Amino acid sequence: MTIVMCDKCGPPRGRIHRYERSVQPLGHPSSAVICSKANCGNPGLVWLNEIDANTYVQGERDILI
């Protein structure tokens, strides 16, 4: 599970998922990916849960947003 949040809004705090790592999407900060928090239009970072972060580090998953 992933979510997008900006540096200013900080890491997401989910009730079900715990987000471990942030990854810059292609073209950051000029990409079309923006923070998912209401009323925030800042460039976003993709936050990964533990499973997705591990597969990303192992090279099994790419972040191509």
N, C-alpha and C. Protein backbone atom coordinates (compact mmCIF):
# COMPACT_ATOMS: atom_id res chain seq x y z
N MET A 1 0.86 -1.18 0.00
CA MET A 1 0.00 0.00 0.00
C MET A 1 0.90 1.23 0.00
N THR A 2 0.56 2.18 -0.82
CA THR A 2 1.32 3.43 -0.90
C THR A 2 0.37 4.61 -0.74
N ILE A 3 0.96 5.74 -0.39
CA ILE A 3 0.20 6.99 -0.28
C ILE A 3 1.17 8.12 -0.62
N VAL A 4 0.64 9.24 -1.08
CA VAL A 4 1.48 10.38 -1.44
C VAL A 4 1.25 11.52 -0.44
N MET A 5 2.34 11.99 0.16
CA MET A 5 2.31 13.13 1.08
C MET A 5 3.55 13.98 0.80
N CYS A 6 3.46 15.28 1.04
CA CYS A 6 4.59 16.18 0.82
C CYS A 6 5.47 16.24 2.08
N ASP A 7 6.63 16.89 1.93
CA ASP A 7 7.54 17.07 3.07
C ASP A 7 6.90 17.88 4.18
N LYS A 8 6.14 18.90 3.80
CA LYS A 8 5.54 19.79 4.80
C LYS A 8 4.48 19.06 5.65
N CYS A 9 3.64 18.25 5.01
CA CYS A 9 2.60 17.53 5.75
C CYS A 9 3.17 16.33 6.51
N GLY A 10 4.33 15.88 6.11
CA GLY A 10 5.01 14.81 6.83
C GLY A 10 4.53 13.42 6.48
N PRO A 11 5.14 12.43 7.12
CA PRO A 11 4.76 11.05 6.82
C PRO A 11 3.32 10.75 7.23
N PRO A 12 2.63 9.94 6.46
CA PRO A 12 1.25 9.60 6.79
C PRO A 12 1.16 8.72 8.03
N ARG A 13 0.08 8.86 8.74
CA ARG A 13 -0.17 8.03 9.92
C ARG A 13 -1.46 7.26 9.68
N GLY A 14 -1.31 6.05 9.19
CA GLY A 14 -2.47 5.23 8.89
C GLY A 14 -2.88 4.38 10.09
N ARG A 15 -4.14 4.01 10.13
CA ARG A 15 -4.62 3.13 11.19
C ARG A 15 -4.27 1.67 10.91
N ILE A 16 -4.24 1.32 9.63
CA ILE A 16 -3.97 -0.06 9.26
C ILE A 16 -2.51 -0.24 8.81
N HIS A 17 -2.03 0.68 7.97
CA HIS A 17 -0.69 0.57 7.41
C HIS A 17 0.28 1.49 8.13
N ARG A 18 1.50 1.00 8.30
CA ARG A 18 2.58 1.82 8.86
C ARG A 18 3.54 2.11 7.71
N TYR A 19 3.75 3.37 7.41
CA TYR A 19 4.57 3.76 6.28
C TYR A 19 6.02 3.93 6.72
N GLU A 20 6.92 3.24 6.03
CA GLU A 20 8.31 3.11 6.44
C GLU A 20 9.28 4.00 5.67
N ARG A 21 9.00 4.25 4.41
CA ARG A 21 10.00 4.88 3.55
C ARG A 21 9.32 5.77 2.52
N SER A 22 9.99 6.89 2.21
CA SER A 22 9.49 7.74 1.13
C SER A 22 10.42 7.63 -0.07
N VAL A 23 9.82 7.76 -1.26
CA VAL A 23 10.55 7.68 -2.52
C VAL A 23 10.09 8.84 -3.39
N GLN A 24 11.05 9.51 -4.04
CA GLN A 24 10.68 10.59 -4.94
C GLN A 24 10.18 10.01 -6.26
N PRO A 25 9.01 10.45 -6.73
CA PRO A 25 8.53 10.00 -8.04
C PRO A 25 9.38 10.61 -9.15
N LEU A 26 9.33 10.02 -10.34
CA LEU A 26 10.07 10.57 -11.47
C LEU A 26 9.70 12.02 -11.70
N GLY A 27 10.70 12.87 -11.91
CA GLY A 27 10.45 14.27 -12.19
C GLY A 27 10.23 15.14 -10.96
N HIS A 28 10.33 14.56 -9.78
CA HIS A 28 10.11 15.32 -8.54
C HIS A 28 11.09 16.47 -8.47
N PRO A 29 10.75 17.67 -8.14
CA PRO A 29 9.46 18.15 -7.66
C PRO A 29 8.55 18.69 -8.76
N SER A 30 8.94 18.53 -10.01
CA SER A 30 8.14 19.07 -11.12
C SER A 30 7.14 18.07 -11.68
N SER A 31 6.96 16.93 -11.02
CA SER A 31 6.02 15.93 -11.51
C SER A 31 4.59 16.36 -11.21
N ALA A 32 3.64 15.61 -11.72
CA ALA A 32 2.23 15.91 -11.49
C ALA A 32 1.72 15.28 -10.19
N VAL A 33 2.61 14.64 -9.44
CA VAL A 33 2.22 13.98 -8.20
C VAL A 33 2.17 15.02 -7.08
N ILE A 34 0.98 15.19 -6.49
CA ILE A 34 0.83 16.16 -5.41
C ILE A 34 0.36 15.47 -4.13
N CYS A 35 0.54 16.16 -3.03
CA CYS A 35 0.16 15.66 -1.71
C CYS A 35 -1.32 15.30 -1.68
N SER A 36 -1.64 14.22 -0.98
CA SER A 36 -3.04 13.78 -0.92
C SER A 36 -3.83 14.42 0.22
N LYS A 37 -3.17 15.24 1.04
CA LYS A 37 -3.88 15.90 2.13
C LYS A 37 -4.77 17.02 1.56
N ALA A 38 -5.95 17.16 2.12
CA ALA A 38 -6.90 18.18 1.64
C ALA A 38 -6.28 19.57 1.68
N ASN A 39 -6.53 20.35 0.65
CA ASN A 39 -6.08 21.73 0.53
C ASN A 39 -4.57 21.89 0.48
N CYS A 40 -3.84 20.85 0.07
CA CYS A 40 -2.39 20.93 -0.10
C CYS A 40 -2.07 20.58 -1.54
N GLY A 41 -1.34 21.43 -2.20
CA GLY A 41 -0.97 21.21 -3.59
C GLY A 41 0.53 21.08 -3.78
N ASN A 42 1.26 20.79 -2.70
CA ASN A 42 2.71 20.67 -2.77
C ASN A 42 3.12 19.38 -3.50
N PRO A 43 4.32 19.38 -4.11
CA PRO A 43 4.81 18.15 -4.73
C PRO A 43 4.89 17.04 -3.69
N GLY A 44 4.46 15.86 -4.07
CA GLY A 44 4.39 14.76 -3.11
C GLY A 44 5.49 13.74 -3.24
N LEU A 45 5.73 13.04 -2.14
CA LEU A 45 6.61 11.89 -2.09
C LEU A 45 5.74 10.64 -1.96
N VAL A 46 6.17 9.55 -2.54
CA VAL A 46 5.44 8.30 -2.44
C VAL A 46 5.92 7.59 -1.18
N TRP A 47 4.99 7.33 -0.26
CA TRP A 47 5.31 6.64 0.99
C TRP A 47 4.93 5.18 0.87
N LEU A 48 5.83 4.29 1.26
CA LEU A 48 5.64 2.85 1.11
C LEU A 48 5.49 2.19 2.47
N ASN A 49 4.62 1.17 2.53
CA ASN A 49 4.53 0.39 3.76
C ASN A 49 5.73 -0.57 3.81
N GLU A 50 5.85 -1.34 4.86
CA GLU A 50 7.03 -2.19 5.06
C GLU A 50 7.24 -3.20 3.93
N ILE A 51 6.18 -3.85 3.49
CA ILE A 51 6.29 -4.85 2.43
C ILE A 51 6.74 -4.20 1.12
N ASP A 52 6.10 -3.11 0.74
CA ASP A 52 6.47 -2.42 -0.50
C ASP A 52 7.87 -1.82 -0.41
N ALA A 53 8.26 -1.30 0.74
CA ALA A 53 9.60 -0.74 0.92
C ALA A 53 10.66 -1.83 0.74
N ASN A 54 10.41 -3.02 1.29
CA ASN A 54 11.37 -4.12 1.15
C ASN A 54 11.51 -4.56 -0.30
N THR A 55 10.40 -4.67 -1.02
CA THR A 55 10.48 -5.09 -2.42
C THR A 55 11.13 -4.00 -3.28
N TYR A 56 10.95 -2.74 -2.91
CA TYR A 56 11.60 -1.63 -3.63
C TYR A 56 13.11 -1.70 -3.44
N VAL A 57 13.56 -1.90 -2.20
CA VAL A 57 14.99 -1.96 -1.89
C VAL A 57 15.63 -3.16 -2.60
N GLN A 58 14.92 -4.27 -2.68
CA GLN A 58 15.44 -5.47 -3.34
C GLN A 58 15.40 -5.38 -4.86
N GLY A 59 14.85 -4.30 -5.40
CA GLY A 59 14.79 -4.12 -6.84
C GLY A 59 13.63 -4.83 -7.52
N GLU A 60 12.69 -5.34 -6.75
CA GLU A 60 11.55 -6.05 -7.31
C GLU A 60 10.39 -5.11 -7.64
N ARG A 61 10.47 -3.87 -7.23
CA ARG A 61 9.39 -2.91 -7.45
C ARG A 61 10.00 -1.56 -7.84
N ASP A 62 9.40 -0.93 -8.85
CA ASP A 62 9.80 0.41 -9.28
C ASP A 62 8.69 1.39 -8.95
N ILE A 63 9.07 2.63 -8.69
CA ILE A 63 8.11 3.70 -8.47
C ILE A 63 8.13 4.55 -9.73
N LEU A 64 7.13 4.40 -10.57
CA LEU A 64 7.09 5.08 -11.87
C LEU A 64 5.87 5.97 -12.01
N ILE A 65 5.55 6.67 -10.99
CA ILE A 65 4.37 7.54 -11.04
C ILE A 65 4.68 8.77 -11.84
